[in-house]
Amino acid sequence: MKPVVKLLRIKQAADILGVNPETLRRWDNEGRLPSIRIGSRRGVGDRRYKLEDIERYIEENKNKK
């Protein structure tokens, strides 16, 4: 049985991280927090974020403020 992967919409991920969705787009483009592209809207697709990636990002960056 394959493990279940929880995907979050960009707004949901931004709310968890306390940032603007545009910040997440920038982080994705910079390679800081990768997204999964779904759909084929203009060949780009909508971004989804793995909950486990969000949790890992929080853990790795909790002492950097």
N, C-alpha and C. Protein backbone atom coordinates (compact mmCIF):
# COMPACT_ATOMS: atom_id res chain seq x y z
N MET A 1 0.84 -1.19 0.00
CA MET A 1 0.00 0.00 0.00
C MET A 1 0.88 1.25 0.00
N LYS A 2 0.57 2.19 -0.88
CA LYS A 2 1.34 3.42 -0.98
C LYS A 2 0.99 4.37 0.17
N PRO A 3 1.99 5.09 0.68
CA PRO A 3 1.70 6.06 1.74
C PRO A 3 0.86 7.22 1.20
N VAL A 4 0.00 7.75 2.03
CA VAL A 4 -0.85 8.87 1.65
C VAL A 4 -0.05 10.16 1.81
N VAL A 5 -0.06 10.98 0.77
CA VAL A 5 0.64 12.25 0.79
C VAL A 5 -0.41 13.35 0.83
N LYS A 6 -0.35 14.18 1.85
CA LYS A 6 -1.29 15.29 2.02
C LYS A 6 -0.76 16.49 1.24
N LEU A 7 -1.54 16.94 0.23
CA LEU A 7 -1.16 18.11 -0.55
C LEU A 7 -2.01 19.30 -0.13
N LEU A 8 -1.35 20.43 0.02
CA LEU A 8 -2.02 21.66 0.43
C LEU A 8 -2.03 22.66 -0.72
N ARG A 9 -3.09 23.41 -0.81
CA ARG A 9 -3.14 24.52 -1.76
C ARG A 9 -2.20 25.61 -1.26
N ILE A 10 -1.82 26.49 -2.16
CA ILE A 10 -0.84 27.52 -1.80
C ILE A 10 -1.33 28.39 -0.64
N LYS A 11 -2.60 28.72 -0.60
CA LYS A 11 -3.16 29.54 0.49
C LYS A 11 -3.07 28.80 1.83
N GLN A 12 -3.37 27.51 1.82
CA GLN A 12 -3.28 26.72 3.04
C GLN A 12 -1.85 26.67 3.56
N ALA A 13 -0.91 26.42 2.66
CA ALA A 13 0.50 26.36 3.05
C ALA A 13 0.98 27.71 3.56
N ALA A 14 0.57 28.78 2.89
CA ALA A 14 0.97 30.13 3.32
C ALA A 14 0.43 30.44 4.71
N ASP A 15 -0.81 30.05 4.97
CA ASP A 15 -1.40 30.28 6.30
C ASP A 15 -0.62 29.55 7.39
N ILE A 16 -0.24 28.30 7.12
CA ILE A 16 0.52 27.52 8.10
C ILE A 16 1.86 28.19 8.39
N LEU A 17 2.50 28.69 7.35
CA LEU A 17 3.82 29.30 7.49
C LEU A 17 3.77 30.76 7.92
N GLY A 18 2.59 31.37 7.84
CA GLY A 18 2.45 32.77 8.21
C GLY A 18 3.08 33.72 7.20
N VAL A 19 3.02 33.34 5.92
CA VAL A 19 3.58 34.18 4.86
C VAL A 19 2.52 34.40 3.78
N ASN A 20 2.82 35.30 2.88
CA ASN A 20 1.97 35.59 1.75
C ASN A 20 2.16 34.50 0.68
N PRO A 21 1.11 34.12 -0.04
CA PRO A 21 1.28 33.13 -1.11
C PRO A 21 2.37 33.51 -2.12
N GLU A 22 2.55 34.79 -2.36
CA GLU A 22 3.60 35.22 -3.29
C GLU A 22 4.99 34.84 -2.76
N THR A 23 5.15 34.86 -1.45
CA THR A 23 6.41 34.43 -0.84
C THR A 23 6.67 32.96 -1.16
N LEU A 24 5.64 32.14 -1.08
CA LEU A 24 5.80 30.72 -1.41
C LEU A 24 6.17 30.53 -2.88
N ARG A 25 5.58 31.31 -3.75
CA ARG A 25 5.94 31.22 -5.17
C ARG A 25 7.42 31.56 -5.35
N ARG A 26 7.88 32.59 -4.67
CA ARG A 26 9.29 32.99 -4.76
C ARG A 26 10.19 31.90 -4.18
N TRP A 27 9.83 31.35 -3.01
CA TRP A 27 10.63 30.29 -2.41
C TRP A 27 10.71 29.08 -3.34
N ASP A 28 9.61 28.77 -4.01
CA ASP A 28 9.62 27.65 -4.96
C ASP A 28 10.59 27.95 -6.10
N ASN A 29 10.51 29.14 -6.66
CA ASN A 29 11.40 29.51 -7.76
C ASN A 29 12.87 29.51 -7.34
N GLU A 30 13.12 29.83 -6.06
CA GLU A 30 14.49 29.84 -5.52
C GLU A 30 14.96 28.46 -5.08
N GLY A 31 14.05 27.49 -5.01
CA GLY A 31 14.40 26.15 -4.56
C GLY A 31 14.37 25.97 -3.05
N ARG A 32 13.88 26.96 -2.33
CA ARG A 32 13.82 26.88 -0.85
C ARG A 32 12.74 25.93 -0.37
N LEU A 33 11.59 25.93 -1.03
CA LEU A 33 10.47 25.08 -0.64
C LEU A 33 9.76 24.65 -1.92
N PRO A 34 10.08 23.47 -2.41
CA PRO A 34 9.53 23.05 -3.69
C PRO A 34 8.03 22.76 -3.63
N SER A 35 7.41 22.93 -4.78
CA SER A 35 5.99 22.61 -4.91
C SER A 35 5.81 21.52 -5.96
N ILE A 36 4.61 21.01 -6.01
CA ILE A 36 4.22 20.07 -7.05
C ILE A 36 3.24 20.81 -7.94
N ARG A 37 3.46 20.77 -9.24
CA ARG A 37 2.56 21.45 -10.17
C ARG A 37 1.52 20.44 -10.65
N ILE A 38 0.26 20.83 -10.55
CA ILE A 38 -0.81 19.97 -11.04
C ILE A 38 -1.64 20.74 -12.05
N GLY A 39 -2.32 20.03 -12.91
CA GLY A 39 -3.13 20.67 -13.93
C GLY A 39 -2.26 21.16 -15.07
N SER A 40 -2.89 21.79 -16.01
CA SER A 40 -2.13 22.24 -17.18
C SER A 40 -2.47 23.68 -17.55
N ARG A 41 -2.78 24.46 -16.57
CA ARG A 41 -3.10 25.86 -16.82
C ARG A 41 -1.91 26.56 -17.45
N ARG A 42 -2.02 26.85 -18.73
CA ARG A 42 -0.95 27.51 -19.49
C ARG A 42 0.38 26.80 -19.36
N GLY A 43 0.34 25.49 -19.20
CA GLY A 43 1.57 24.71 -19.10
C GLY A 43 2.30 24.86 -17.79
N VAL A 44 1.77 25.65 -16.88
CA VAL A 44 2.45 25.90 -15.61
C VAL A 44 1.84 25.05 -14.50
N GLY A 45 0.53 25.04 -14.40
CA GLY A 45 -0.15 24.27 -13.38
C GLY A 45 -0.25 25.01 -12.05
N ASP A 46 -1.16 24.57 -11.23
CA ASP A 46 -1.32 25.12 -9.89
C ASP A 46 -0.33 24.45 -8.95
N ARG A 47 0.12 25.19 -7.97
CA ARG A 47 1.09 24.67 -7.01
C ARG A 47 0.39 24.00 -5.85
N ARG A 48 0.94 22.88 -5.44
CA ARG A 48 0.51 22.20 -4.23
C ARG A 48 1.77 21.90 -3.44
N TYR A 49 1.62 21.91 -2.14
CA TYR A 49 2.75 21.68 -1.24
C TYR A 49 2.48 20.47 -0.37
N LYS A 50 3.49 19.63 -0.22
CA LYS A 50 3.37 18.46 0.65
C LYS A 50 3.40 18.94 2.10
N LEU A 51 2.46 18.45 2.91
CA LEU A 51 2.43 18.80 4.32
C LEU A 51 3.74 18.43 5.00
N GLU A 52 4.30 17.29 4.64
CA GLU A 52 5.57 16.86 5.24
C GLU A 52 6.71 17.82 4.89
N ASP A 53 6.69 18.41 3.69
CA ASP A 53 7.71 19.40 3.33
C ASP A 53 7.55 20.68 4.14
N ILE A 54 6.30 21.08 4.36
CA ILE A 54 6.03 22.27 5.18
C ILE A 54 6.53 22.04 6.61
N GLU A 55 6.20 20.88 7.17
CA GLU A 55 6.62 20.57 8.53
C GLU A 55 8.15 20.51 8.64
N ARG A 56 8.80 19.94 7.64
CA ARG A 56 10.26 19.86 7.64
C ARG A 56 10.86 21.27 7.55
N TYR A 57 10.29 22.11 6.69
CA TYR A 57 10.78 23.49 6.55
C TYR A 57 10.68 24.24 7.88
N ILE A 58 9.55 24.09 8.57
CA ILE A 58 9.37 24.74 9.87
C ILE A 58 10.42 24.25 10.86
N GLU A 59 10.63 22.95 10.91
CA GLU A 59 11.59 22.38 11.84
C GLU A 59 13.01 22.87 11.55
N GLU A 60 13.38 22.90 10.28
CA GLU A 60 14.74 23.31 9.91
C GLU A 60 14.98 24.80 10.11
N ASN A 61 13.93 25.59 10.12
CA ASN A 61 14.10 27.04 10.17
C ASN A 61 13.57 27.69 11.45
N LYS A 62 13.21 26.88 12.44
CA LYS A 62 12.61 27.45 13.65
C LYS A 62 13.58 28.29 14.48
N ASN A 63 14.86 28.07 14.36
CA ASN A 63 15.84 28.83 15.14
C ASN A 63 16.55 29.91 14.35
N LYS A 64 16.10 30.18 13.12
CA LYS A 64 16.79 31.14 12.26
C LYS A 64 16.23 32.55 12.33
N LYS A 65 15.31 32.82 13.23
CA LYS A 65 14.72 34.16 13.31
C LYS A 65 15.51 35.07 14.18
